Every structure is written in structure tokens, then in C-alpha cells.
Amino acid sequence: KHENSEALSKGKKNSTATFRRVGFALQAGIIAKVLTFSFGPQK
């Protein structure tokens, strides 16, 4: 039982890191889109 809970907490940490990475990538993508949209058409 103890080993199982340890594996669960390890899995939670991994999914949290993945979630953060995905969120960061999404934010960067949105910022890039906004910048492209703001500056692209005006040239």
C-alpha cells in the first residue's frame, strides 16, 4: 500500500509538470498570435 501511494504522488508530480509545460506553450502561442495579429497587417 505504501509503495502504491508513492507511485501515485510521483504520477501527480509528473502530470503537474506536464500541465505547466502545456500551459506555458499555450500562453506563448497566444502571445505570438496576438503580436502577429497586431503588427502583421499594419505593414
N, C-alpha and C. Protein backbone atom coordinates (compact mmCIF):
# COMPACT_ATOMS: atom_id res chain seq x y z
N LYS A 1 0.83 -1.21 0.00
CA LYS A 1 0.00 0.00 0.00
C LYS A 1 0.87 1.26 0.00
N HIS A 2 1.92 1.26 0.78
CA HIS A 2 2.78 2.44 0.86
C HIS A 2 3.45 2.72 -0.48
N GLU A 3 3.91 1.65 -1.15
CA GLU A 3 4.54 1.83 -2.46
C GLU A 3 3.55 2.43 -3.45
N ASN A 4 2.31 1.99 -3.36
CA ASN A 4 1.27 2.46 -4.29
C ASN A 4 1.04 3.96 -4.14
N SER A 5 0.95 4.45 -2.91
CA SER A 5 0.72 5.88 -2.69
C SER A 5 1.92 6.69 -3.17
N GLU A 6 3.12 6.12 -3.04
CA GLU A 6 4.31 6.81 -3.51
C GLU A 6 4.27 6.95 -5.03
N ALA A 7 3.84 5.88 -5.70
CA ALA A 7 3.72 5.92 -7.17
C ALA A 7 2.67 6.95 -7.58
N LEU A 8 1.60 7.04 -6.80
CA LEU A 8 0.53 7.99 -7.12
C LEU A 8 1.05 9.42 -7.01
N SER A 9 1.78 9.72 -5.93
CA SER A 9 2.28 11.09 -5.75
C SER A 9 3.29 11.42 -6.85
N LYS A 10 4.07 10.42 -7.28
CA LYS A 10 5.04 10.64 -8.35
C LYS A 10 4.29 10.96 -9.64
N GLY A 11 3.20 10.21 -9.89
CA GLY A 11 2.39 10.46 -11.08
C GLY A 11 1.77 11.84 -11.05
N LYS A 12 1.33 12.26 -9.87
CA LYS A 12 0.74 13.59 -9.74
C LYS A 12 1.76 14.67 -10.06
N LYS A 13 2.97 14.49 -9.55
CA LYS A 13 4.03 15.48 -9.82
C LYS A 13 4.31 15.56 -11.32
N ASN A 14 4.35 14.40 -11.97
CA ASN A 14 4.64 14.37 -13.41
C ASN A 14 3.54 15.07 -14.19
N SER A 15 2.28 14.79 -13.83
CA SER A 15 1.17 15.40 -14.57
C SER A 15 1.14 16.91 -14.32
N THR A 16 1.52 17.34 -13.13
CA THR A 16 1.57 18.77 -12.84
C THR A 16 2.62 19.46 -13.71
N ALA A 17 3.78 18.82 -13.84
CA ALA A 17 4.85 19.39 -14.67
C ALA A 17 4.41 19.45 -16.12
N THR A 18 3.77 18.38 -16.58
CA THR A 18 3.28 18.36 -17.96
C THR A 18 2.24 19.45 -18.17
N PHE A 19 1.33 19.59 -17.20
CA PHE A 19 0.26 20.60 -17.30
C PHE A 19 0.87 21.99 -17.38
N ARG A 20 1.91 22.24 -16.56
CA ARG A 20 2.57 23.54 -16.58
C ARG A 20 3.22 23.80 -17.94
N ARG A 21 3.86 22.75 -18.48
CA ARG A 21 4.54 22.91 -19.76
C ARG A 21 3.52 23.22 -20.86
N VAL A 22 2.40 22.50 -20.83
CA VAL A 22 1.35 22.72 -21.83
C VAL A 22 0.79 24.13 -21.69
N GLY A 23 0.54 24.56 -20.46
CA GLY A 23 0.01 25.90 -20.22
C GLY A 23 0.97 26.97 -20.71
N PHE A 24 2.25 26.76 -20.46
CA PHE A 24 3.27 27.72 -20.91
C PHE A 24 3.29 27.80 -22.43
N ALA A 25 3.21 26.62 -23.07
CA ALA A 25 3.23 26.58 -24.54
C ALA A 25 1.99 27.29 -25.09
N LEU A 26 0.85 27.08 -24.46
CA LEU A 26 -0.39 27.74 -24.91
C LEU A 26 -0.27 29.25 -24.76
N GLN A 27 0.24 29.71 -23.62
CA GLN A 27 0.41 31.14 -23.40
C GLN A 27 1.33 31.75 -24.45
N ALA A 28 2.45 31.06 -24.71
CA ALA A 28 3.41 31.56 -25.69
C ALA A 28 2.76 31.62 -27.07
N GLY A 29 1.96 30.60 -27.41
CA GLY A 29 1.28 30.59 -28.70
C GLY A 29 0.29 31.72 -28.82
N ILE A 30 -0.46 31.98 -27.74
CA ILE A 30 -1.45 33.06 -27.77
C ILE A 30 -0.75 34.41 -27.92
N ILE A 31 0.34 34.60 -27.18
CA ILE A 31 1.09 35.86 -27.26
C ILE A 31 1.62 36.06 -28.67
N ALA A 32 2.16 34.99 -29.25
CA ALA A 32 2.70 35.07 -30.61
C ALA A 32 1.59 35.44 -31.60
N LYS A 33 0.41 34.83 -31.41
CA LYS A 33 -0.72 35.14 -32.31
C LYS A 33 -1.14 36.60 -32.18
N VAL A 34 -1.22 37.07 -30.95
CA VAL A 34 -1.63 38.46 -30.72
C VAL A 34 -0.63 39.42 -31.34
N LEU A 35 0.66 39.13 -31.14
CA LEU A 35 1.69 40.00 -31.71
C LEU A 35 1.62 40.00 -33.23
N THR A 36 1.48 38.82 -33.81
CA THR A 36 1.40 38.71 -35.28
C THR A 36 0.19 39.47 -35.77
N PHE A 37 -0.93 39.34 -35.07
CA PHE A 37 -2.17 40.00 -35.48
C PHE A 37 -2.05 41.51 -35.34
N SER A 38 -1.37 41.96 -34.28
CA SER A 38 -1.27 43.40 -34.04
C SER A 38 -0.34 44.07 -35.04
N PHE A 39 0.80 43.43 -35.31
CA PHE A 39 1.84 44.08 -36.11
C PHE A 39 1.83 43.66 -37.57
N GLY A 40 1.29 42.48 -37.88
CA GLY A 40 1.34 41.97 -39.25
C GLY A 40 0.62 42.83 -40.27
N PRO A 41 -0.70 43.04 -40.10
CA PRO A 41 -1.49 43.71 -41.15
C PRO A 41 -1.09 45.16 -41.38
N GLN A 42 -0.50 45.82 -40.37
CA GLN A 42 -0.24 47.26 -40.49
C GLN A 42 0.92 47.57 -41.42
N LYS A 43 1.77 46.56 -41.71
CA LYS A 43 2.99 46.84 -42.50
C LYS A 43 2.65 47.16 -43.95
